[in-house]
N, C-alpha and C. Protein backbone atom coordinates (compact mmCIF):
# COMPACT_ATOMS: atom_id res chain seq x y z
N MET A 1 -4.89 3.45 32.61
CA MET A 1 -5.07 4.02 31.28
C MET A 1 -5.43 2.89 30.31
N GLU A 2 -6.41 3.14 29.47
CA GLU A 2 -6.83 2.16 28.48
C GLU A 2 -5.75 1.96 27.41
N THR A 3 -5.75 0.81 26.80
CA THR A 3 -4.82 0.55 25.69
C THR A 3 -5.35 1.20 24.42
N LYS A 4 -4.47 1.37 23.45
CA LYS A 4 -4.89 1.92 22.16
C LYS A 4 -5.95 1.02 21.52
N THR A 5 -5.77 -0.28 21.65
CA THR A 5 -6.74 -1.22 21.06
C THR A 5 -8.12 -1.04 21.67
N ALA A 6 -8.18 -0.89 22.98
CA ALA A 6 -9.46 -0.70 23.66
C ALA A 6 -10.10 0.62 23.26
N ILE A 7 -9.31 1.68 23.21
CA ILE A 7 -9.81 3.00 22.80
C ILE A 7 -10.32 2.92 21.36
N ARG A 8 -9.54 2.30 20.49
CA ARG A 8 -9.91 2.16 19.08
C ARG A 8 -11.26 1.44 18.94
N ARG A 9 -11.42 0.36 19.68
CA ARG A 9 -12.64 -0.44 19.60
C ARG A 9 -13.87 0.38 20.01
N VAL A 10 -13.78 1.09 21.13
CA VAL A 10 -14.90 1.87 21.64
C VAL A 10 -15.26 3.01 20.69
N ILE A 11 -14.25 3.75 20.24
CA ILE A 11 -14.51 4.92 19.40
C ILE A 11 -14.97 4.51 18.00
N GLN A 12 -14.39 3.44 17.45
CA GLN A 12 -14.84 2.99 16.13
C GLN A 12 -16.31 2.58 16.16
N LYS A 13 -16.73 1.94 17.23
CA LYS A 13 -18.14 1.56 17.37
C LYS A 13 -19.02 2.81 17.41
N ARG A 14 -18.57 3.80 18.14
CA ARG A 14 -19.33 5.05 18.25
C ARG A 14 -19.38 5.79 16.91
N ARG A 15 -18.24 5.81 16.19
CA ARG A 15 -18.20 6.48 14.88
C ARG A 15 -19.16 5.82 13.89
N THR A 16 -19.23 4.49 13.92
CA THR A 16 -20.09 3.76 13.01
C THR A 16 -21.56 4.12 13.21
N SER A 17 -21.94 4.42 14.44
CA SER A 17 -23.34 4.75 14.72
C SER A 17 -23.62 6.25 14.60
N PHE A 18 -22.60 7.05 14.35
CA PHE A 18 -22.77 8.50 14.21
C PHE A 18 -23.05 8.80 12.74
N THR A 19 -24.32 8.95 12.39
CA THR A 19 -24.73 9.09 10.98
C THR A 19 -25.81 10.15 10.83
N GLY A 20 -26.25 10.31 9.60
CA GLY A 20 -27.40 11.16 9.32
C GLY A 20 -27.14 12.64 9.53
N ARG A 21 -28.20 13.32 9.94
CA ARG A 21 -28.15 14.77 10.07
C ARG A 21 -27.12 15.25 11.08
N LYS A 22 -27.00 14.53 12.21
CA LYS A 22 -26.02 14.92 13.24
C LYS A 22 -24.61 14.89 12.67
N LYS A 23 -24.30 13.85 11.92
CA LYS A 23 -22.96 13.75 11.32
C LYS A 23 -22.75 14.86 10.30
N THR A 24 -23.73 15.10 9.45
CA THR A 24 -23.62 16.15 8.44
C THR A 24 -23.42 17.52 9.08
N GLU A 25 -24.17 17.80 10.13
CA GLU A 25 -24.02 19.08 10.83
C GLU A 25 -22.63 19.20 11.46
N ALA A 26 -22.15 18.12 12.07
CA ALA A 26 -20.82 18.13 12.68
C ALA A 26 -19.75 18.31 11.60
N ASP A 27 -19.88 17.60 10.47
CA ASP A 27 -18.92 17.73 9.37
C ASP A 27 -18.86 19.18 8.87
N ASN A 28 -20.01 19.80 8.71
CA ASN A 28 -20.05 21.19 8.24
C ASN A 28 -19.43 22.14 9.25
N ALA A 29 -19.68 21.92 10.54
CA ALA A 29 -19.09 22.77 11.58
C ALA A 29 -17.58 22.62 11.62
N ILE A 30 -17.09 21.39 11.46
CA ILE A 30 -15.64 21.14 11.45
C ILE A 30 -15.01 21.82 10.24
N TYR A 31 -15.64 21.69 9.09
CA TYR A 31 -15.12 22.33 7.87
C TYR A 31 -15.03 23.85 8.07
N THR A 32 -16.08 24.46 8.61
CA THR A 32 -16.10 25.91 8.82
C THR A 32 -14.98 26.34 9.76
N LYS A 33 -14.78 25.61 10.85
CA LYS A 33 -13.70 25.93 11.79
C LYS A 33 -12.34 25.75 11.13
N LEU A 34 -12.17 24.67 10.37
CA LEU A 34 -10.90 24.38 9.70
C LEU A 34 -10.50 25.50 8.75
N VAL A 35 -11.40 25.90 7.87
CA VAL A 35 -11.03 26.90 6.86
C VAL A 35 -10.89 28.30 7.45
N SER A 36 -11.35 28.49 8.69
CA SER A 36 -11.19 29.80 9.35
C SER A 36 -9.81 29.93 10.01
N LEU A 37 -9.09 28.83 10.16
CA LEU A 37 -7.78 28.88 10.81
C LEU A 37 -6.78 29.65 9.95
N PRO A 38 -6.04 30.59 10.54
CA PRO A 38 -5.02 31.32 9.79
C PRO A 38 -4.01 30.39 9.11
N VAL A 39 -3.62 29.30 9.77
CA VAL A 39 -2.65 28.39 9.17
C VAL A 39 -3.23 27.72 7.92
N PHE A 40 -4.52 27.50 7.89
CA PHE A 40 -5.16 26.95 6.69
C PHE A 40 -5.20 28.02 5.60
N GLN A 41 -5.62 29.20 5.98
CA GLN A 41 -5.76 30.27 4.99
C GLN A 41 -4.44 30.64 4.32
N THR A 42 -3.34 30.54 5.04
CA THR A 42 -2.05 30.94 4.48
C THR A 42 -1.30 29.79 3.79
N SER A 43 -1.83 28.59 3.88
CA SER A 43 -1.18 27.43 3.25
C SER A 43 -1.71 27.25 1.83
N SER A 44 -0.81 27.17 0.87
CA SER A 44 -1.25 26.99 -0.51
C SER A 44 -1.19 25.54 -0.97
N VAL A 45 -0.38 24.71 -0.30
CA VAL A 45 -0.30 23.28 -0.63
C VAL A 45 -0.70 22.51 0.62
N ILE A 46 -1.81 21.77 0.53
CA ILE A 46 -2.39 21.10 1.69
C ILE A 46 -2.56 19.62 1.41
N PHE A 47 -2.06 18.82 2.32
CA PHE A 47 -2.26 17.37 2.28
C PHE A 47 -3.51 17.07 3.08
N THR A 48 -4.43 16.30 2.53
CA THR A 48 -5.61 15.88 3.26
C THR A 48 -5.94 14.43 2.95
N TYR A 49 -6.46 13.74 3.92
CA TYR A 49 -6.94 12.38 3.66
C TYR A 49 -8.26 12.46 2.91
N VAL A 50 -8.63 11.37 2.26
CA VAL A 50 -9.93 11.25 1.60
C VAL A 50 -10.79 10.42 2.54
N SER A 51 -11.83 11.02 3.07
CA SER A 51 -12.59 10.39 4.15
C SER A 51 -13.35 9.15 3.71
N GLN A 52 -13.44 8.24 4.67
CA GLN A 52 -14.32 7.08 4.56
C GLN A 52 -15.62 7.46 5.26
N PRO A 53 -16.70 6.70 5.06
CA PRO A 53 -18.00 7.11 5.60
C PRO A 53 -18.05 7.42 7.09
N CYS A 54 -17.26 6.74 7.92
CA CYS A 54 -17.34 6.98 9.37
C CYS A 54 -16.39 8.07 9.85
N GLU A 55 -15.58 8.62 8.96
CA GLU A 55 -14.61 9.66 9.33
C GLU A 55 -15.19 11.06 9.10
N VAL A 56 -14.54 12.06 9.70
CA VAL A 56 -14.91 13.45 9.41
C VAL A 56 -14.77 13.64 7.90
N ASP A 57 -15.81 14.17 7.29
CA ASP A 57 -15.89 14.29 5.83
C ASP A 57 -14.90 15.32 5.28
N THR A 58 -13.97 14.85 4.47
CA THR A 58 -13.03 15.77 3.81
C THR A 58 -13.43 16.03 2.35
N ARG A 59 -14.47 15.39 1.89
CA ARG A 59 -14.93 15.63 0.51
C ARG A 59 -15.42 17.07 0.35
N ILE A 60 -15.96 17.62 1.43
CA ILE A 60 -16.38 19.03 1.43
C ILE A 60 -15.17 19.90 1.14
N LEU A 61 -14.10 19.63 1.86
CA LEU A 61 -12.84 20.37 1.69
C LEU A 61 -12.32 20.22 0.26
N ILE A 62 -12.26 19.00 -0.23
CA ILE A 62 -11.72 18.75 -1.57
C ILE A 62 -12.58 19.46 -2.62
N SER A 63 -13.90 19.35 -2.50
CA SER A 63 -14.79 20.00 -3.48
C SER A 63 -14.67 21.51 -3.46
N ASN A 64 -14.61 22.09 -2.27
CA ASN A 64 -14.61 23.55 -2.14
C ASN A 64 -13.24 24.20 -2.33
N MET A 65 -12.17 23.44 -2.15
CA MET A 65 -10.83 24.04 -2.18
C MET A 65 -9.99 23.63 -3.39
N ALA A 66 -10.46 22.71 -4.20
CA ALA A 66 -9.65 22.19 -5.31
C ALA A 66 -9.20 23.29 -6.28
N ASP A 67 -10.00 24.32 -6.43
CA ASP A 67 -9.62 25.41 -7.35
C ASP A 67 -8.93 26.57 -6.62
N LYS A 68 -8.78 26.47 -5.30
CA LYS A 68 -8.16 27.55 -4.52
C LYS A 68 -6.80 27.16 -3.94
N LYS A 69 -6.60 25.87 -3.71
CA LYS A 69 -5.38 25.36 -3.09
C LYS A 69 -4.86 24.20 -3.93
N THR A 70 -3.59 23.89 -3.76
CA THR A 70 -3.06 22.65 -4.32
C THR A 70 -3.31 21.57 -3.27
N LEU A 71 -4.08 20.54 -3.65
CA LEU A 71 -4.44 19.49 -2.72
C LEU A 71 -3.67 18.22 -3.01
N VAL A 72 -3.15 17.63 -1.96
CA VAL A 72 -2.38 16.40 -2.05
C VAL A 72 -3.11 15.37 -1.19
N VAL A 73 -3.29 14.16 -1.72
CA VAL A 73 -3.98 13.10 -0.99
C VAL A 73 -3.10 11.85 -0.94
N PRO A 74 -3.35 10.98 0.04
CA PRO A 74 -2.49 9.81 0.21
C PRO A 74 -2.80 8.65 -0.73
N LYS A 75 -1.77 7.86 -0.96
CA LYS A 75 -1.89 6.60 -1.70
C LYS A 75 -0.90 5.63 -1.08
N ILE A 76 -1.36 4.40 -0.85
CA ILE A 76 -0.49 3.37 -0.30
C ILE A 76 0.02 2.51 -1.46
N THR A 77 1.34 2.46 -1.58
CA THR A 77 1.99 1.64 -2.60
C THR A 77 3.12 0.87 -1.93
N ASN A 78 3.13 -0.44 -2.11
CA ASN A 78 4.17 -1.29 -1.49
C ASN A 78 4.31 -1.03 0.00
N ASN A 79 3.19 -0.91 0.69
CA ASN A 79 3.16 -0.68 2.14
C ASN A 79 3.75 0.65 2.58
N ASN A 80 3.86 1.60 1.66
CA ASN A 80 4.33 2.94 2.00
C ASN A 80 3.28 3.97 1.59
N LEU A 81 3.15 4.99 2.39
CA LEU A 81 2.23 6.07 2.10
C LEU A 81 2.98 7.16 1.35
N SER A 82 2.38 7.70 0.31
CA SER A 82 2.95 8.84 -0.40
C SER A 82 1.80 9.77 -0.79
N GLY A 83 2.13 10.96 -1.25
CA GLY A 83 1.11 11.95 -1.59
C GLY A 83 1.08 12.26 -3.07
N TYR A 84 -0.12 12.48 -3.59
CA TYR A 84 -0.32 12.81 -5.00
C TYR A 84 -1.27 13.99 -5.12
N THR A 85 -0.98 14.86 -6.07
CA THR A 85 -1.81 16.05 -6.29
C THR A 85 -3.07 15.68 -7.05
N ILE A 86 -4.21 16.19 -6.57
CA ILE A 86 -5.47 16.02 -7.29
C ILE A 86 -6.09 17.39 -7.54
N HIS A 87 -7.00 17.45 -8.51
CA HIS A 87 -7.66 18.71 -8.86
C HIS A 87 -9.16 18.67 -8.58
N SER A 88 -9.69 17.47 -8.33
CA SER A 88 -11.11 17.33 -8.00
C SER A 88 -11.36 15.91 -7.49
N LEU A 89 -12.56 15.68 -7.00
CA LEU A 89 -12.93 14.34 -6.55
C LEU A 89 -12.91 13.33 -7.69
N SER A 90 -13.08 13.81 -8.93
CA SER A 90 -13.07 12.90 -10.08
C SER A 90 -11.68 12.34 -10.36
N ASP A 91 -10.64 12.86 -9.70
CA ASP A 91 -9.28 12.33 -9.85
C ASP A 91 -9.04 11.13 -8.94
N LEU A 92 -10.10 10.66 -8.26
CA LEU A 92 -9.96 9.56 -7.31
C LEU A 92 -10.60 8.28 -7.85
N LYS A 93 -10.06 7.15 -7.38
CA LYS A 93 -10.61 5.83 -7.70
C LYS A 93 -10.51 4.97 -6.45
N LYS A 94 -11.26 3.88 -6.43
CA LYS A 94 -11.17 2.96 -5.30
C LYS A 94 -9.84 2.24 -5.37
N GLY A 95 -9.10 2.29 -4.26
CA GLY A 95 -7.77 1.69 -4.24
C GLY A 95 -7.59 0.73 -3.10
N SER A 96 -6.40 0.73 -2.52
CA SER A 96 -6.05 -0.16 -1.42
C SER A 96 -7.06 -0.05 -0.28
N TRP A 97 -7.41 -1.18 0.27
CA TRP A 97 -8.32 -1.26 1.42
C TRP A 97 -9.70 -0.68 1.11
N GLY A 98 -10.03 -0.49 -0.17
CA GLY A 98 -11.31 0.09 -0.53
C GLY A 98 -11.38 1.59 -0.33
N ILE A 99 -10.24 2.22 -0.07
CA ILE A 99 -10.16 3.66 0.18
C ILE A 99 -9.94 4.40 -1.14
N GLN A 100 -10.60 5.52 -1.28
CA GLN A 100 -10.40 6.35 -2.47
C GLN A 100 -8.97 6.88 -2.49
N GLU A 101 -8.32 6.77 -3.64
CA GLU A 101 -6.96 7.26 -3.79
C GLU A 101 -6.79 7.84 -5.19
N PRO A 102 -5.70 8.57 -5.41
CA PRO A 102 -5.51 9.24 -6.71
C PRO A 102 -5.39 8.24 -7.86
N LYS A 103 -5.95 8.64 -8.99
CA LYS A 103 -5.81 7.84 -10.20
C LYS A 103 -4.36 7.87 -10.67
N ASP A 104 -4.02 6.96 -11.56
CA ASP A 104 -2.63 6.78 -11.99
C ASP A 104 -2.02 8.02 -12.64
N PHE A 105 -2.82 8.88 -13.26
CA PHE A 105 -2.26 10.05 -13.93
C PHE A 105 -1.87 11.18 -12.98
N CYS A 106 -2.28 11.08 -11.71
CA CYS A 106 -1.95 12.13 -10.74
C CYS A 106 -0.46 12.12 -10.44
N LYS A 107 0.08 13.31 -10.25
CA LYS A 107 1.53 13.45 -10.04
C LYS A 107 1.90 13.36 -8.56
N ALA A 108 3.02 12.69 -8.31
CA ALA A 108 3.53 12.59 -6.95
C ALA A 108 3.94 13.97 -6.45
N ALA A 109 3.68 14.22 -5.19
CA ALA A 109 4.03 15.51 -4.58
C ALA A 109 5.26 15.31 -3.69
N MET A 110 6.04 16.35 -3.59
CA MET A 110 7.19 16.34 -2.68
C MET A 110 6.70 16.71 -1.28
N LEU A 111 7.06 15.91 -0.31
CA LEU A 111 6.68 16.18 1.08
C LEU A 111 7.11 17.57 1.51
N SER A 112 8.27 17.99 1.06
CA SER A 112 8.82 19.29 1.46
C SER A 112 8.04 20.47 0.88
N ASP A 113 7.19 20.24 -0.12
CA ASP A 113 6.39 21.31 -0.71
C ASP A 113 5.07 21.54 0.01
N ILE A 114 4.72 20.64 0.91
CA ILE A 114 3.43 20.71 1.60
C ILE A 114 3.54 21.64 2.81
N HIS A 115 2.57 22.56 2.93
CA HIS A 115 2.56 23.55 4.00
C HIS A 115 1.75 23.12 5.23
N LEU A 116 0.81 22.19 5.02
CA LEU A 116 -0.12 21.80 6.08
C LEU A 116 -0.61 20.38 5.82
N PHE A 117 -0.70 19.58 6.88
CA PHE A 117 -1.21 18.21 6.78
C PHE A 117 -2.49 18.09 7.57
N ILE A 118 -3.50 17.48 6.95
CA ILE A 118 -4.76 17.17 7.63
C ILE A 118 -4.88 15.65 7.60
N ILE A 119 -4.88 15.06 8.80
CA ILE A 119 -4.81 13.60 8.85
C ILE A 119 -6.00 13.00 9.61
N PRO A 120 -6.29 11.74 9.31
CA PRO A 120 -7.40 11.08 10.01
C PRO A 120 -6.95 10.57 11.37
N LEU A 121 -7.90 10.31 12.21
CA LEU A 121 -7.62 9.69 13.50
C LEU A 121 -8.86 8.97 13.98
N VAL A 122 -8.65 8.01 14.83
CA VAL A 122 -9.77 7.31 15.45
C VAL A 122 -10.09 8.01 16.77
N ALA A 123 -9.05 8.38 17.51
CA ALA A 123 -9.22 9.09 18.78
C ALA A 123 -7.99 9.95 19.02
N CYS A 124 -8.15 10.92 19.91
CA CYS A 124 -7.02 11.78 20.27
C CYS A 124 -7.26 12.30 21.68
N ASP A 125 -6.21 12.87 22.24
CA ASP A 125 -6.37 13.55 23.53
C ASP A 125 -6.01 15.02 23.35
N ARG A 126 -6.19 15.80 24.40
CA ARG A 126 -5.95 17.25 24.31
C ARG A 126 -4.46 17.61 24.32
N TYR A 127 -3.59 16.61 24.26
CA TYR A 127 -2.15 16.82 24.20
C TYR A 127 -1.61 16.58 22.79
N GLY A 128 -2.51 16.22 21.86
CA GLY A 128 -2.10 15.98 20.48
C GLY A 128 -1.74 14.55 20.17
N ASN A 129 -1.83 13.67 21.15
CA ASN A 129 -1.59 12.25 20.89
C ASN A 129 -2.80 11.68 20.16
N ARG A 130 -2.56 10.74 19.25
CA ARG A 130 -3.66 10.21 18.47
C ARG A 130 -3.57 8.70 18.35
N VAL A 131 -4.72 8.11 18.12
CA VAL A 131 -4.82 6.70 17.77
C VAL A 131 -5.35 6.68 16.36
N GLY A 132 -4.63 6.01 15.49
CA GLY A 132 -5.08 5.85 14.11
C GLY A 132 -5.69 4.47 13.93
N SER A 133 -5.66 3.99 12.72
CA SER A 133 -6.23 2.68 12.43
C SER A 133 -5.36 1.53 12.92
N GLY A 134 -4.13 1.81 13.27
CA GLY A 134 -3.28 0.79 13.85
C GLY A 134 -2.19 0.26 12.95
N TYR A 135 -2.06 0.81 11.76
CA TYR A 135 -1.06 0.31 10.82
C TYR A 135 0.23 1.14 10.82
N GLY A 136 0.20 2.34 11.38
CA GLY A 136 1.39 3.17 11.50
C GLY A 136 1.79 3.92 10.23
N TYR A 137 0.95 3.90 9.20
CA TYR A 137 1.30 4.57 7.93
C TYR A 137 1.58 6.05 8.15
N PHE A 138 0.69 6.75 8.87
CA PHE A 138 0.87 8.19 9.03
C PHE A 138 2.03 8.52 9.96
N ASP A 139 2.25 7.70 11.00
CA ASP A 139 3.39 7.95 11.88
C ASP A 139 4.70 7.89 11.09
N THR A 140 4.82 6.91 10.22
CA THR A 140 6.03 6.78 9.39
C THR A 140 6.12 7.90 8.38
N PHE A 141 5.01 8.17 7.68
CA PHE A 141 4.96 9.19 6.63
C PHE A 141 5.31 10.58 7.18
N LEU A 142 4.85 10.87 8.38
CA LEU A 142 5.01 12.21 8.96
C LEU A 142 6.21 12.34 9.90
N ALA A 143 7.01 11.31 10.01
CA ALA A 143 8.11 11.29 11.00
C ALA A 143 8.99 12.53 10.96
N ASP A 144 9.31 13.02 9.77
CA ASP A 144 10.23 14.16 9.65
C ASP A 144 9.54 15.48 9.30
N VAL A 145 8.23 15.49 9.33
CA VAL A 145 7.47 16.70 8.96
C VAL A 145 7.60 17.74 10.07
N ARG A 146 7.85 18.99 9.67
CA ARG A 146 8.02 20.08 10.63
C ARG A 146 7.01 21.21 10.42
N VAL A 147 6.00 20.98 9.57
CA VAL A 147 4.93 21.96 9.39
C VAL A 147 3.71 21.48 10.17
N PRO A 148 2.72 22.35 10.36
CA PRO A 148 1.57 21.95 11.19
C PRO A 148 0.81 20.73 10.66
N ILE A 149 0.37 19.92 11.63
CA ILE A 149 -0.45 18.75 11.36
C ILE A 149 -1.76 18.93 12.10
N ILE A 150 -2.86 18.82 11.37
CA ILE A 150 -4.19 18.98 11.95
C ILE A 150 -4.90 17.63 11.95
N GLY A 151 -5.51 17.31 13.08
CA GLY A 151 -6.36 16.14 13.18
C GLY A 151 -7.81 16.59 13.23
N LEU A 152 -8.65 15.98 12.42
CA LEU A 152 -10.08 16.28 12.42
C LEU A 152 -10.80 15.19 13.21
N ALA A 153 -11.68 15.60 14.12
CA ALA A 153 -12.36 14.63 14.98
C ALA A 153 -13.73 15.14 15.39
N TYR A 154 -14.61 14.22 15.69
CA TYR A 154 -15.86 14.58 16.35
C TYR A 154 -15.54 14.70 17.84
N SER A 155 -16.29 15.50 18.55
CA SER A 155 -15.97 15.76 19.96
C SER A 155 -15.90 14.48 20.79
N PHE A 156 -16.69 13.46 20.46
CA PHE A 156 -16.64 12.22 21.23
C PHE A 156 -15.35 11.42 20.98
N GLN A 157 -14.57 11.81 19.99
CA GLN A 157 -13.30 11.13 19.72
C GLN A 157 -12.15 11.69 20.58
N VAL A 158 -12.39 12.80 21.27
CA VAL A 158 -11.37 13.38 22.15
C VAL A 158 -11.53 12.74 23.52
N VAL A 159 -10.51 11.99 23.92
CA VAL A 159 -10.53 11.25 25.18
C VAL A 159 -9.53 11.87 26.16
N ASN A 160 -9.58 11.42 27.41
CA ASN A 160 -8.71 12.01 28.44
C ASN A 160 -7.23 11.82 28.17
N LYS A 161 -6.81 10.60 27.85
CA LYS A 161 -5.39 10.33 27.68
C LYS A 161 -5.19 9.15 26.73
N ILE A 162 -4.28 9.33 25.80
CA ILE A 162 -3.90 8.29 24.85
C ILE A 162 -2.51 7.77 25.25
N PRO A 163 -2.35 6.45 25.38
CA PRO A 163 -1.00 5.94 25.63
C PRO A 163 -0.12 6.20 24.40
N ILE A 164 1.13 6.52 24.62
CA ILE A 164 1.99 6.86 23.48
C ILE A 164 3.17 5.91 23.37
N ASP A 165 3.64 5.76 22.15
CA ASP A 165 4.83 4.98 21.83
C ASP A 165 5.85 5.95 21.24
N PRO A 166 7.14 5.59 21.29
CA PRO A 166 8.19 6.51 20.80
C PRO A 166 8.01 6.95 19.34
N HIS A 167 7.43 6.10 18.49
CA HIS A 167 7.29 6.43 17.06
C HIS A 167 6.03 7.23 16.75
N ASP A 168 5.15 7.45 17.71
CA ASP A 168 3.88 8.14 17.46
C ASP A 168 4.11 9.60 17.09
N LYS A 169 3.39 10.05 16.10
CA LYS A 169 3.46 11.44 15.64
C LYS A 169 2.23 12.17 16.17
N LYS A 170 2.46 13.25 16.90
CA LYS A 170 1.36 14.06 17.44
C LYS A 170 0.78 14.98 16.38
N VAL A 171 -0.44 15.44 16.63
CA VAL A 171 -1.01 16.51 15.83
C VAL A 171 -0.78 17.82 16.56
N ASP A 172 -0.72 18.91 15.80
CA ASP A 172 -0.50 20.23 16.38
C ASP A 172 -1.81 20.96 16.69
N ILE A 173 -2.83 20.62 15.93
CA ILE A 173 -4.14 21.26 16.08
C ILE A 173 -5.19 20.17 15.95
N ILE A 174 -6.20 20.22 16.81
CA ILE A 174 -7.35 19.32 16.71
C ILE A 174 -8.57 20.19 16.45
N VAL A 175 -9.33 19.85 15.42
CA VAL A 175 -10.56 20.58 15.11
C VAL A 175 -11.73 19.62 15.27
N THR A 176 -12.67 19.99 16.16
CA THR A 176 -13.92 19.24 16.31
C THR A 176 -15.07 20.17 15.96
N GLU A 177 -16.28 19.66 16.00
CA GLU A 177 -17.44 20.50 15.70
C GLU A 177 -17.67 21.56 16.77
N THR A 178 -17.11 21.37 17.96
CA THR A 178 -17.32 22.32 19.04
C THR A 178 -16.08 23.09 19.46
N ASP A 179 -14.88 22.57 19.14
CA ASP A 179 -13.66 23.18 19.65
C ASP A 179 -12.51 23.14 18.65
N ILE A 180 -11.57 24.04 18.89
CA ILE A 180 -10.27 24.00 18.22
C ILE A 180 -9.21 23.97 19.31
N TYR A 181 -8.39 22.95 19.30
CA TYR A 181 -7.28 22.84 20.24
C TYR A 181 -6.00 23.12 19.47
N ASP A 182 -5.42 24.29 19.69
CA ASP A 182 -4.17 24.64 19.03
C ASP A 182 -3.06 24.38 20.03
N LEU A 183 -2.38 23.26 19.82
CA LEU A 183 -1.39 22.79 20.78
C LEU A 183 -0.01 23.36 20.52
N ARG A 184 0.12 24.15 19.46
CA ARG A 184 1.42 24.76 19.17
C ARG A 184 1.77 25.79 20.22
N ASN A 185 0.75 26.43 20.78
CA ASN A 185 1.00 27.40 21.84
C ASN A 185 0.10 27.15 23.04
N SER A 186 -0.39 25.91 23.14
CA SER A 186 -1.21 25.45 24.26
C SER A 186 -2.47 26.28 24.50
N SER A 187 -3.03 26.82 23.43
CA SER A 187 -4.31 27.55 23.60
C SER A 187 -5.45 26.66 23.18
N HIS A 188 -6.62 26.98 23.64
CA HIS A 188 -7.83 26.24 23.31
C HIS A 188 -8.90 27.25 22.99
N ALA A 189 -9.34 27.24 21.76
CA ALA A 189 -10.40 28.16 21.33
C ALA A 189 -11.66 27.37 21.03
N SER A 190 -12.80 27.98 21.15
CA SER A 190 -14.05 27.30 20.82
C SER A 190 -14.58 27.75 19.49
């Protein structure tokens, strides 16, 4: 089995070269599948990451859902991840690591108020194991979360097996441009 570092290196290289029309089409297909999920439709408070250029685009989600759902996005402060409510993309500024994060006037959200988490990943397997950027922010942040966690990925980011560590937090649902893996009841829909 490959190490997380090796998997991260291969997939990050592939993500960097996945651009243009193919990426836009995949992003739109993932968005359509995501918003069709019953768990998404019934959740009124949703945590989502703010995508970087090589990640599955969540700006579509933020733009289209800001007036329909309460959206919470991450911010890193003192090496800890926390969530803040935003109302539009204009509530974001360039922050830590060059990542878009909530402006100072945005209000902190209570983790217990969030109904659904949408998190980034570099790679995942069909068992819900994921490889992130390697800093462990989301594993720590989500350690006690008991509501559904969705990972957004391009189909090439789904690998056979991810090595796991005791602190790793799994995702419950994986949405790609071609598939939905709902691991809460071990079903796989296309």
